[in-house]
Amino acid sequence: MIIVKEITEENIRKALATYIENSGYWLKLYFLAGEFEFNTLENMVKKINVANEEV
């Protein structure tokens, strides 16, 4: 979901630019969120957090 105060070309470009920062992280996450059940995503986040703590 992209939220803008007013639908203008400039606002849409800014919103999309934010979504594609960091190799499109938020855009990819938003896409994948619709593909998995919430519990599956929660388990994935927990595994990532544990892996990050080990590093």
N, C-alpha and C. Protein backbone atom coordinates (compact mmCIF):
# COMPACT_ATOMS: atom_id res chain seq x y z
N MET A 1 0.84 -1.16 0.00
CA MET A 1 0.00 0.00 0.00
C MET A 1 0.89 1.23 0.00
N ILE A 2 0.58 2.13 -0.86
CA ILE A 2 1.30 3.40 -0.92
C ILE A 2 0.32 4.49 -0.52
N ILE A 3 0.70 5.27 0.48
CA ILE A 3 -0.18 6.31 0.99
C ILE A 3 0.41 7.67 0.66
N VAL A 4 -0.38 8.49 0.03
CA VAL A 4 0.02 9.86 -0.26
C VAL A 4 -1.10 10.80 0.17
N LYS A 5 -0.72 12.01 0.53
CA LYS A 5 -1.70 12.99 0.97
C LYS A 5 -2.53 13.48 -0.22
N GLU A 6 -1.87 13.64 -1.33
CA GLU A 6 -2.53 14.11 -2.54
C GLU A 6 -1.95 13.34 -3.71
N ILE A 7 -2.78 12.91 -4.63
CA ILE A 7 -2.29 12.13 -5.76
C ILE A 7 -1.75 13.08 -6.83
N THR A 8 -0.43 13.20 -6.81
CA THR A 8 0.27 13.96 -7.84
C THR A 8 1.40 13.09 -8.34
N GLU A 9 1.90 13.39 -9.49
CA GLU A 9 3.01 12.59 -10.04
C GLU A 9 4.22 12.65 -9.10
N GLU A 10 4.51 13.82 -8.56
CA GLU A 10 5.66 13.97 -7.66
C GLU A 10 5.50 13.13 -6.40
N ASN A 11 4.32 13.14 -5.78
CA ASN A 11 4.09 12.34 -4.58
C ASN A 11 4.18 10.86 -4.86
N ILE A 12 3.65 10.44 -5.97
CA ILE A 12 3.72 9.02 -6.34
C ILE A 12 5.16 8.61 -6.55
N ARG A 13 5.93 9.44 -7.24
CA ARG A 13 7.35 9.13 -7.46
C ARG A 13 8.11 9.03 -6.13
N LYS A 14 7.84 9.97 -5.21
CA LYS A 14 8.51 9.93 -3.91
C LYS A 14 8.14 8.68 -3.13
N ALA A 15 6.87 8.33 -3.14
CA ALA A 15 6.42 7.14 -2.42
C ALA A 15 7.06 5.88 -3.00
N LEU A 16 7.08 5.78 -4.30
CA LEU A 16 7.69 4.61 -4.94
C LEU A 16 9.19 4.56 -4.69
N ALA A 17 9.84 5.72 -4.70
CA ALA A 17 11.28 5.77 -4.45
C ALA A 17 11.60 5.23 -3.06
N THR A 18 10.74 5.53 -2.09
CA THR A 18 10.93 5.02 -0.73
C THR A 18 10.80 3.50 -0.71
N TYR A 19 9.84 2.97 -1.45
CA TYR A 19 9.62 1.52 -1.48
C TYR A 19 10.76 0.77 -2.14
N ILE A 20 11.48 1.41 -3.05
CA ILE A 20 12.54 0.68 -3.75
C ILE A 20 13.92 0.89 -3.16
N GLU A 21 14.01 1.65 -2.05
CA GLU A 21 15.31 1.79 -1.37
C GLU A 21 15.75 0.43 -0.84
N ASN A 22 17.03 0.30 -0.63
CA ASN A 22 17.62 -0.94 -0.07
C ASN A 22 17.23 -2.16 -0.90
N SER A 23 17.44 -2.08 -2.18
CA SER A 23 17.16 -3.18 -3.12
C SER A 23 15.69 -3.58 -3.13
N GLY A 24 14.81 -2.62 -2.86
CA GLY A 24 13.38 -2.89 -2.90
C GLY A 24 12.87 -3.69 -1.72
N TYR A 25 13.56 -3.59 -0.59
CA TYR A 25 13.22 -4.39 0.60
C TYR A 25 11.73 -4.29 0.93
N TRP A 26 11.20 -3.06 1.10
CA TRP A 26 9.81 -2.89 1.52
C TRP A 26 8.84 -3.35 0.45
N LEU A 27 9.19 -3.14 -0.81
CA LEU A 27 8.34 -3.59 -1.91
C LEU A 27 8.26 -5.12 -1.92
N LYS A 28 9.39 -5.76 -1.74
CA LYS A 28 9.42 -7.23 -1.68
C LYS A 28 8.66 -7.75 -0.47
N LEU A 29 8.86 -7.10 0.68
CA LEU A 29 8.16 -7.52 1.89
C LEU A 29 6.66 -7.38 1.73
N TYR A 30 6.22 -6.27 1.18
CA TYR A 30 4.79 -6.04 0.96
C TYR A 30 4.21 -7.11 0.04
N PHE A 31 4.95 -7.45 -1.02
CA PHE A 31 4.51 -8.48 -1.96
C PHE A 31 4.40 -9.84 -1.26
N LEU A 32 5.45 -10.20 -0.51
CA LEU A 32 5.47 -11.51 0.14
C LEU A 32 4.43 -11.62 1.26
N ALA A 33 4.10 -10.52 1.89
CA ALA A 33 3.13 -10.55 2.97
C ALA A 33 1.79 -11.10 2.49
N GLY A 34 1.46 -10.88 1.26
CA GLY A 34 0.21 -11.40 0.71
C GLY A 34 0.30 -12.86 0.30
N GLU A 35 1.49 -13.42 0.30
CA GLU A 35 1.70 -14.78 -0.16
C GLU A 35 1.76 -15.80 0.98
N PHE A 36 2.02 -15.34 2.20
CA PHE A 36 2.18 -16.24 3.33
C PHE A 36 1.14 -15.94 4.39
N GLU A 37 0.84 -16.94 5.20
CA GLU A 37 -0.02 -16.71 6.35
C GLU A 37 0.79 -15.98 7.41
N PHE A 38 0.11 -15.24 8.28
CA PHE A 38 0.78 -14.42 9.30
C PHE A 38 1.70 -15.26 10.18
N ASN A 39 1.26 -16.43 10.60
CA ASN A 39 2.09 -17.29 11.46
C ASN A 39 3.39 -17.70 10.77
N THR A 40 3.32 -17.95 9.48
CA THR A 40 4.52 -18.30 8.73
C THR A 40 5.50 -17.14 8.73
N LEU A 41 5.01 -15.92 8.52
CA LEU A 41 5.88 -14.75 8.55
C LEU A 41 6.48 -14.54 9.93
N GLU A 42 5.68 -14.72 10.98
CA GLU A 42 6.18 -14.57 12.34
C GLU A 42 7.31 -15.56 12.61
N ASN A 43 7.15 -16.79 12.19
CA ASN A 43 8.20 -17.80 12.39
C ASN A 43 9.47 -17.44 11.62
N MET A 44 9.31 -16.92 10.43
CA MET A 44 10.46 -16.51 9.63
C MET A 44 11.21 -15.37 10.32
N VAL A 45 10.48 -14.40 10.85
CA VAL A 45 11.11 -13.27 11.54
C VAL A 45 11.84 -13.75 12.78
N LYS A 46 11.26 -14.68 13.53
CA LYS A 46 11.92 -15.22 14.72
C LYS A 46 13.22 -15.91 14.35
N LYS A 47 13.21 -16.71 13.29
CA LYS A 47 14.44 -17.39 12.84
C LYS A 47 15.51 -16.39 12.43
N ILE A 48 15.11 -15.34 11.75
CA ILE A 48 16.06 -14.30 11.32
C ILE A 48 16.65 -13.61 12.54
N ASN A 49 15.81 -13.30 13.52
CA ASN A 49 16.29 -12.64 14.74
C ASN A 49 17.29 -13.52 15.48
N VAL A 50 17.01 -14.79 15.58
CA VAL A 50 17.95 -15.72 16.24
C VAL A 50 19.26 -15.77 15.46
N ALA A 51 19.19 -15.85 14.16
CA ALA A 51 20.40 -15.89 13.34
C ALA A 51 21.21 -14.61 13.51
N ASN A 52 20.54 -13.47 13.58
CA ASN A 52 21.23 -12.19 13.76
C ASN A 52 21.89 -12.09 15.11
N GLU A 53 21.28 -12.67 16.14
CA GLU A 53 21.86 -12.66 17.48
C GLU A 53 23.13 -13.51 17.54
N GLU A 54 23.17 -14.56 16.72
CA GLU A 54 24.33 -15.46 16.72
C GLU A 54 25.53 -14.84 16.03
N VAL A 55 25.29 -13.85 15.18
CA VAL A 55 26.38 -13.21 14.43
C VAL A 55 27.04 -12.20 15.24
